[in-house]
Amino acid sequence: MLRKLGVLLAVVATVSLSGCGYNTLQTQDEAIKAAWSEVLNQYQRRTDLVPNLVNTVKGYAAQEQTVLTEVTNARASVGSIKATPELVNDPAAFQKFIQAQNQLQGALSRLLAVSENYPQLKSDALFRDLLSQLEGTENRITVARNRYIQAVQAYNTTVRQFPTNLTAMVFKMGTKANFTVADEAAVSTPPKVDFAKPAPALPAPAAPAPAAPAGK
């Protein structure tokens, strides 16, 4: 008798949880974890490209020490933040991580802008290969971010809607951190080098002063 009662209660509990949105919340939460994992993978892919890119540029433009240092420091700043799935549950830590990533992208953009002045660097096969990888990675980052944004929007909407908001409160499932409009503006223009653009022309040498007339 007690066994039958236990089975009946389990069935009732399962139906109740399904009806109150618990399964939906769990499904959407897993979708967020998967999407965030892909974002982290692509960010790491970009971070891994930095040392080779910096060393290649340094071989042709060692005098550009300021921008090279900026990129190196930005990469170190990204590496100092532990990127875990739990970041999405901490808005402050999430925003700090995203700001570090945006700073790295900005530093890379400045580095590539400097490279426009060095035609030999732009023709280097390794440099061109690294830029191709960087461009592909930036595109993957954009796709991964968009998927994460959509997953979080769906989940946060469910968490706030009645009656699933009650279920979320009971199981302590709060809203997740998401990218802001400012974040999206920061990545709207990925780093790029125009290989067809010629390097700036050097200023023409000054004309020699006219010779003084010979004395009579």
C-alpha atoms as a PDB file:
ATOM      1  CA  MET A   1       0.000   0.000   0.000  1.00  0.00           C
ATOM      2  CA  LEU A   2       2.753   2.414   0.987  1.00  0.00           C
ATOM      3  CA  ARG A   3       4.666   1.519  -2.154  1.00  0.00           C
ATOM      4  CA  LYS A   4       1.656   2.315  -4.337  1.00  0.00           C
ATOM      5  CA  LEU A   5       1.177   5.592  -2.495  1.00  0.00           C
ATOM      6  CA  GLY A   6       4.823   6.487  -3.058  1.00  0.00           C
ATOM      7  CA  VAL A   7       4.541   5.785  -6.786  1.00  0.00           C
ATOM      8  CA  LEU A   8       1.372   7.879  -6.966  1.00  0.00           C
ATOM      9  CA  LEU A   9       3.040  10.805  -5.220  1.00  0.00           C
ATOM     10  CA  ALA A  10       6.020  10.557  -7.568  1.00  0.00           C
ATOM     11  CA  VAL A  11       3.704  10.707 -10.588  1.00  0.00           C
ATOM     12  CA  VAL A  12       1.841  13.683  -9.155  1.00  0.00           C
ATOM     13  CA  ALA A  13       5.122  15.462  -8.425  1.00  0.00           C
ATOM     14  CA  THR A  14       6.396  14.814 -11.953  1.00  0.00           C
ATOM     15  CA  VAL A  15       3.200  16.161 -13.533  1.00  0.00           C
ATOM     16  CA  SER A  16       3.243  19.176 -11.228  1.00  0.00           C
ATOM     17  CA  LEU A  17       6.847  20.042 -12.028  1.00  0.00           C
ATOM     18  CA  SER A  18       6.228  19.666 -15.753  1.00  0.00           C
ATOM     19  CA  GLY A  19       3.167  21.868 -15.583  1.00  0.00           C
ATOM     20  CA  CYS A  20       4.881  24.640 -13.628  1.00  0.00           C
ATOM     21  CA  GLY A  21       7.767  25.027 -16.083  1.00  0.00           C
ATOM     22  CA  TYR A  22      10.501  23.236 -14.185  1.00  0.00           C
ATOM     23  CA  ASN A  23      11.531  21.118 -17.173  1.00  0.00           C
ATOM     24  CA  THR A  24      11.547  24.174 -19.423  1.00  0.00           C
ATOM     25  CA  LEU A  25      13.803  26.018 -17.009  1.00  0.00           C
ATOM     26  CA  GLN A  26      16.210  23.091 -16.844  1.00  0.00           C
ATOM     27  CA  THR A  27      16.302  22.737 -20.629  1.00  0.00           C
ATOM     28  CA  GLN A  28      16.964  26.437 -21.130  1.00  0.00           C
ATOM     29  CA  ASP A  29      19.602  26.460 -18.398  1.00  0.00           C
ATOM     30  CA  GLU A  30      21.474  23.663 -20.181  1.00  0.00           C
ATOM     31  CA  ALA A  31      21.227  25.603 -23.444  1.00  0.00           C
ATOM     32  CA  ILE A  32      22.866  28.589 -21.751  1.00  0.00           C
ATOM     33  CA  LYS A  33      25.699  26.434 -20.412  1.00  0.00           C
ATOM     34  CA  ALA A  34      26.358  25.020 -23.874  1.00  0.00           C
ATOM     35  CA  ALA A  35      26.244  28.452 -25.530  1.00  0.00           C
ATOM     36  CA  TRP A  36      28.533  30.020 -22.914  1.00  0.00           C
ATOM     37  CA  SER A  37      31.005  27.165 -23.258  1.00  0.00           C
ATOM     38  CA  GLU A  38      31.259  27.898 -26.976  1.00  0.00           C
ATOM     39  CA  VAL A  39      31.806  31.615 -26.288  1.00  0.00           C
ATOM     40  CA  LEU A  40      34.669  30.740 -23.938  1.00  0.00           C
ATOM     41  CA  ASN A  41      36.167  28.343 -26.486  1.00  0.00           C
ATOM     42  CA  GLN A  42      36.279  31.042 -29.157  1.00  0.00           C
ATOM     43  CA  TYR A  43      37.648  33.672 -26.784  1.00  0.00           C
ATOM     44  CA  GLN A  44      40.417  31.236 -25.833  1.00  0.00           C
ATOM     45  CA  ARG A  45      41.134  30.588 -29.502  1.00  0.00           C
ATOM     46  CA  ARG A  46      41.693  34.333 -29.998  1.00  0.00           C
ATOM     47  CA  THR A  47      43.852  34.593 -26.876  1.00  0.00           C
ATOM     48  CA  ASP A  48      46.048  31.751 -28.122  1.00  0.00           C
ATOM     49  CA  LEU A  49      46.753  33.622 -31.371  1.00  0.00           C
ATOM     50  CA  VAL A  50      48.139  36.698 -29.613  1.00  0.00           C
ATOM     51  CA  PRO A  51      51.726  35.571 -28.794  1.00  0.00           C
ATOM     52  CA  ASN A  52      52.530  34.524 -32.370  1.00  0.00           C
ATOM     53  CA  LEU A  53      50.884  37.654 -33.756  1.00  0.00           C
ATOM     54  CA  VAL A  54      52.846  39.934 -31.417  1.00  0.00           C
ATOM     55  CA  ASN A  55      56.136  38.178 -32.175  1.00  0.00           C
ATOM     56  CA  THR A  56      55.550  38.396 -35.916  1.00  0.00           C
ATOM     57  CA  VAL A  57      54.797  42.120 -35.780  1.00  0.00           C
ATOM     58  CA  LYS A  58      57.778  42.671 -33.484  1.00  0.00           C
ATOM     59  CA  GLY A  59      60.042  41.167 -36.137  1.00  0.00           C
ATOM     60  CA  TYR A  60      59.194  44.015 -38.525  1.00  0.00           C
ATOM     61  CA  ALA A  61      58.079  46.796 -36.203  1.00  0.00           C
ATOM     62  CA  ALA A  62      59.964  46.439 -32.943  1.00  0.00           C
ATOM     63  CA  GLN A  63      59.831  50.224 -32.502  1.00  0.00           C
ATOM     64  CA  GLU A  64      56.055  50.027 -31.984  1.00  0.00           C
ATOM     65  CA  GLN A  65      56.684  49.050 -28.396  1.00  0.00           C
ATOM     66  CA  THR A  66      53.676  50.894 -26.951  1.00  0.00           C
ATOM     67  CA  VAL A  67      51.021  49.048 -28.912  1.00  0.00           C
ATOM     68  CA  LEU A  68      52.858  45.719 -28.563  1.00  0.00           C
ATOM     69  CA  THR A  69      52.879  46.165 -24.794  1.00  0.00           C
ATOM     70  CA  GLU A  70      49.173  47.069 -24.812  1.00  0.00           C
ATOM     71  CA  VAL A  71      48.300  43.799 -26.534  1.00  0.00           C
ATOM     72  CA  THR A  72      50.501  41.749 -24.209  1.00  0.00           C
ATOM     73  CA  ASN A  73      49.019  43.407 -21.114  1.00  0.00           C
ATOM     74  CA  ALA A  74      45.464  42.998 -22.408  1.00  0.00           C
ATOM     75  CA  ARG A  75      46.064  39.286 -22.942  1.00  0.00           C
ATOM     76  CA  ALA A  76      47.472  38.993 -19.425  1.00  0.00           C
ATOM     77  CA  SER A  77      44.400  40.758 -18.053  1.00  0.00           C
ATOM     78  CA  VAL A  78      42.129  38.246 -19.790  1.00  0.00           C
ATOM     79  CA  GLY A  79      44.181  35.360 -18.446  1.00  0.00           C
ATOM     80  CA  SER A  80      43.968  36.670 -14.882  1.00  0.00           C
ATOM     81  CA  ILE A  81      40.193  36.148 -14.812  1.00  0.00           C
ATOM     82  CA  LYS A  82      39.062  32.580 -14.252  1.00  0.00           C
ATOM     83  CA  ALA A  83      36.524  31.850 -16.975  1.00  0.00           C
ATOM     84  CA  THR A  84      34.015  29.340 -15.624  1.00  0.00           C
ATOM     85  CA  PRO A  85      30.361  28.464 -16.292  1.00  0.00           C
ATOM     86  CA  GLU A  86      29.521  30.229 -13.005  1.00  0.00           C
ATOM     87  CA  LEU A  87      30.393  33.627 -14.485  1.00  0.00           C
ATOM     88  CA  VAL A  88      26.904  33.848 -15.964  1.00  0.00           C
ATOM     89  CA  ASN A  89      25.464  33.807 -12.433  1.00  0.00           C
ATOM     90  CA  ASP A  90      27.597  36.746 -11.266  1.00  0.00           C
ATOM     91  CA  PRO A  91      26.805  39.960 -13.225  1.00  0.00           C
ATOM     92  CA  ALA A  92      29.784  41.866 -11.798  1.00  0.00           C
ATOM     93  CA  ALA A  93      32.321  39.127 -12.595  1.00  0.00           C
ATOM     94  CA  PHE A  94      30.691  38.553 -15.990  1.00  0.00           C
ATOM     95  CA  GLN A  95      31.016  42.236 -16.907  1.00  0.00           C
ATOM     96  CA  LYS A  96      34.628  42.366 -15.730  1.00  0.00           C
ATOM     97  CA  PHE A  97      35.457  39.401 -17.956  1.00  0.00           C
ATOM     98  CA  ILE A  98      33.710  40.921 -20.978  1.00  0.00           C
ATOM     99  CA  GLN A  99      35.461  44.262 -20.456  1.00  0.00           C
ATOM    100  CA  ALA A 100      38.814  42.469 -20.437  1.00  0.00           C
ATOM    101  CA  GLN A 101      37.902  40.729 -23.704  1.00  0.00           C
ATOM    102  CA  ASN A 102      36.842  44.029 -25.275  1.00  0.00           C
ATOM    103  CA  GLN A 103      40.131  45.632 -24.204  1.00  0.00           C
ATOM    104  CA  LEU A 104      42.018  42.810 -25.895  1.00  0.00           C
ATOM    105  CA  GLN A 105      40.072  43.294 -29.090  1.00  0.00           C
ATOM    106  CA  GLY A 106      40.727  47.027 -28.986  1.00  0.00           C
ATOM    107  CA  ALA A 107      44.454  46.468 -28.486  1.00  0.00           C
ATOM    108  CA  LEU A 108      44.500  44.024 -31.401  1.00  0.00           C
ATOM    109  CA  SER A 109      42.736  46.577 -33.590  1.00  0.00           C
ATOM    110  CA  ARG A 110      45.415  49.163 -32.783  1.00  0.00           C
ATOM    111  CA  LEU A 111      48.150  46.635 -33.482  1.00  0.00           C
ATOM    112  CA  LEU A 112      46.709  45.826 -36.892  1.00  0.00           C
ATOM    113  CA  ALA A 113      46.282  49.525 -37.658  1.00  0.00           C
ATOM    114  CA  VAL A 114      50.007  49.982 -37.014  1.00  0.00           C
ATOM    115  CA  SER A 115      50.811  47.080 -39.343  1.00  0.00           C
ATOM    116  CA  GLU A 116      49.372  49.086 -42.242  1.00  0.00           C
ATOM    117  CA  ASN A 117      52.589  51.115 -42.195  1.00  0.00           C
ATOM    118  CA  TYR A 118      54.843  48.096 -42.822  1.00  0.00           C
ATOM    119  CA  PRO A 119      54.470  46.598 -46.327  1.00  0.00           C
ATOM    120  CA  GLN A 120      57.015  43.843 -45.636  1.00  0.00           C
ATOM    121  CA  LEU A 121      55.009  42.762 -42.589  1.00  0.00           C
ATOM    122  CA  LYS A 122      51.775  42.713 -44.590  1.00  0.00           C
ATOM    123  CA  SER A 123      53.421  40.463 -47.177  1.00  0.00           C
ATOM    124  CA  ASP A 124      54.762  38.028 -44.574  1.00  0.00           C
ATOM    125  CA  ALA A 125      53.119  34.625 -45.056  1.00  0.00           C
ATOM    126  CA  LEU A 126      52.898  33.856 -41.334  1.00  0.00           C
ATOM    127  CA  PHE A 127      51.347  37.247 -40.605  1.00  0.00           C
ATOM    128  CA  ARG A 128      48.740  36.761 -43.316  1.00  0.00           C
ATOM    129  CA  ASP A 129      47.940  33.281 -42.003  1.00  0.00           C
ATOM    130  CA  LEU A 130      47.553  34.578 -38.441  1.00  0.00           C
ATOM    131  CA  LEU A 131      45.253  37.348 -39.616  1.00  0.00           C
ATOM    132  CA  SER A 132      43.148  34.841 -41.509  1.00  0.00           C
ATOM    133  CA  GLN A 133      42.828  32.779 -38.344  1.00  0.00           C
ATOM    134  CA  LEU A 134      42.016  35.887 -36.314  1.00  0.00           C
ATOM    135  CA  GLU A 135      39.316  36.990 -38.738  1.00  0.00           C
ATOM    136  CA  GLY A 136      37.736  33.530 -38.685  1.00  0.00           C
ATOM    137  CA  THR A 137      37.871  33.491 -34.891  1.00  0.00           C
ATOM    138  CA  GLU A 138      36.227  36.914 -34.636  1.00  0.00           C
ATOM    139  CA  ASN A 139      33.402  35.642 -36.837  1.00  0.00           C
ATOM    140  CA  ARG A 140      32.995  32.573 -34.626  1.00  0.00           C
ATOM    141  CA  ILE A 141      32.938  34.795 -31.542  1.00  0.00           C
ATOM    142  CA  THR A 142      30.119  36.846 -33.050  1.00  0.00           C
ATOM    143  CA  VAL A 143      28.085  33.723 -33.839  1.00  0.00           C
ATOM    144  CA  ALA A 144      28.714  32.217 -30.399  1.00  0.00           C
ATOM    145  CA  ARG A 145      27.777  35.459 -28.639  1.00  0.00           C
ATOM    146  CA  ASN A 146      24.543  35.721 -30.609  1.00  0.00           C
ATOM    147  CA  ARG A 147      23.584  32.173 -29.654  1.00  0.00           C
ATOM    148  CA  TYR A 148      24.339  32.905 -26.011  1.00  0.00           C
ATOM    149  CA  ILE A 149      22.299  36.123 -26.108  1.00  0.00           C
ATOM    150  CA  GLN A 150      19.295  34.290 -27.555  1.00  0.00           C
ATOM    151  CA  ALA A 151      19.586  31.469 -25.013  1.00  0.00           C
ATOM    152  CA  VAL A 152      19.739  33.897 -22.089  1.00  0.00           C
ATOM    153  CA  GLN A 153      16.840  35.981 -23.406  1.00  0.00           C
ATOM    154  CA  ALA A 154      14.643  32.887 -23.625  1.00  0.00           C
ATOM    155  CA  TYR A 155      15.636  31.708 -20.135  1.00  0.00           C
ATOM    156  CA  ASN A 156      15.296  35.116 -18.470  1.00  0.00           C
ATOM    157  CA  THR A 157      11.855  35.561 -20.008  1.00  0.00           C
ATOM    158  CA  THR A 158      10.759  32.200 -18.604  1.00  0.00           C
ATOM    159  CA  VAL A 159      12.167  33.046 -15.169  1.00  0.00           C
ATOM    160  CA  ARG A 160      10.168  36.287 -15.048  1.00  0.00           C
ATOM    161  CA  GLN A 161       6.877  34.969 -16.429  1.00  0.00           C
ATOM    162  CA  PHE A 162       4.019  33.643 -14.286  1.00  0.00           C
ATOM    163  CA  PRO A 163       3.698  30.884 -13.157  1.00  0.00           C
ATOM    164  CA  THR A 164       7.231  29.729 -13.944  1.00  0.00           C
ATOM    165  CA  ASN A 165       8.594  32.627 -11.891  1.00  0.00           C
ATOM    166  CA  LEU A 166       7.228  30.842  -8.801  1.00  0.00           C
ATOM    167  CA  THR A 167       9.047  27.657  -9.746  1.00  0.00           C
ATOM    168  CA  ALA A 168      12.225  29.641 -10.344  1.00  0.00           C
ATOM    169  CA  MET A 169      11.931  31.210  -6.903  1.00  0.00           C
ATOM    170  CA  VAL A 170      11.435  27.839  -5.209  1.00  0.00           C
ATOM    171  CA  PHE A 171      14.483  26.320  -6.929  1.00  0.00           C
ATOM    172  CA  LYS A 172      16.528  29.550  -6.679  1.00  0.00           C
ATOM    173  CA  MET A 173      16.940  29.883 -10.429  1.00  0.00           C
ATOM    174  CA  GLY A 174      17.615  33.574 -11.040  1.00  0.00           C
ATOM    175  CA  THR A 175      18.211  35.498 -14.250  1.00  0.00           C
ATOM    176  CA  LYS A 176      21.545  35.112 -16.053  1.00  0.00           C
ATOM    177  CA  ALA A 177      24.015  37.842 -17.029  1.00  0.00           C
ATOM    178  CA  ASN A 178      23.936  38.899 -20.656  1.00  0.00           C
ATOM    179  CA  PHE A 179      25.883  41.109 -23.039  1.00  0.00           C
ATOM    180  CA  THR A 180      24.914  44.785 -23.046  1.00  0.00           C
ATOM    181  CA  VAL A 181      24.352  47.111 -25.985  1.00  0.00           C
ATOM    182  CA  ALA A 182      27.762  48.661 -25.251  1.00  0.00           C
ATOM    183  CA  ASP A 183      29.369  45.211 -25.421  1.00  0.00           C
ATOM    184  CA  GLU A 184      27.853  44.577 -28.815  1.00  0.00           C
ATOM    185  CA  ALA A 185      29.026  47.950 -30.108  1.00  0.00           C
ATOM    186  CA  ALA A 186      32.566  47.092 -29.004  1.00  0.00           C
ATOM    187  CA  VAL A 187      32.657  43.990 -31.213  1.00  0.00           C
ATOM    188  CA  SER A 188      30.704  45.344 -34.175  1.00  0.00           C
ATOM    189  CA  THR A 189      33.936  45.984 -36.115  1.00  0.00           C
ATOM    190  CA  PRO A 190      36.448  43.149 -35.763  1.00  0.00           C
ATOM    191  CA  PRO A 191      40.190  43.781 -36.278  1.00  0.00           C
ATOM    192  CA  LYS A 192      41.137  43.831 -39.953  1.00  0.00           C
ATOM    193  CA  VAL A 193      44.059  44.667 -42.215  1.00  0.00           C
ATOM    194  CA  ASP A 194      43.574  45.872 -45.781  1.00  0.00           C
ATOM    195  CA  PHE A 195      46.300  44.087 -47.738  1.00  0.00           C
ATOM    196  CA  ALA A 196      45.406  46.004 -50.902  1.00  0.00           C
ATOM    197  CA  LYS A 197      46.018  49.345 -49.226  1.00  0.00           C
ATOM    198  CA  PRO A 198      49.517  50.701 -49.922  1.00  0.00           C
ATOM    199  CA  ALA A 199      51.649  51.891 -47.065  1.00  0.00           C
ATOM    200  CA  PRO A 200      51.697  55.650 -46.470  1.00  0.00           C
ATOM    201  CA  ALA A 201      54.180  57.381 -48.747  1.00  0.00           C
ATOM    202  CA  LEU A 202      57.245  58.831 -47.139  1.00  0.00           C
ATOM    203  CA  PRO A 203      57.500  62.639 -47.307  1.00  0.00           C
ATOM    204  CA  ALA A 204      59.506  63.919 -50.243  1.00  0.00           C
ATOM    205  CA  PRO A 205      62.959  65.193 -49.368  1.00  0.00           C
ATOM    206  CA  ALA A 206      63.301  68.954 -49.137  1.00  0.00           C
ATOM    207  CA  ALA A 207      64.601  70.672 -52.245  1.00  0.00           C
ATOM    208  CA  PRO A 208      68.206  71.858 -51.931  1.00  0.00           C
ATOM    209  CA  ALA A 209      68.703  75.542 -51.330  1.00  0.00           C
ATOM    210  CA  PRO A 210      69.765  77.514 -54.437  1.00  0.00           C
ATOM    211  CA  ALA A 211      73.472  78.070 -54.665  1.00  0.00           C
ATOM    212  CA  ALA A 212      74.696  81.581 -53.856  1.00  0.00           C
ATOM    213  CA  PRO A 213      75.819  83.540 -56.902  1.00  0.00           C
ATOM    214  CA  ALA A 214      79.554  83.583 -57.427  1.00  0.00           C
ATOM    215  CA  GLY A 215      81.216  86.784 -56.373  1.00  0.00           C
ATOM    216  CA  LYS A 216      82.460  89.028 -59.077  1.00  0.00           C
END
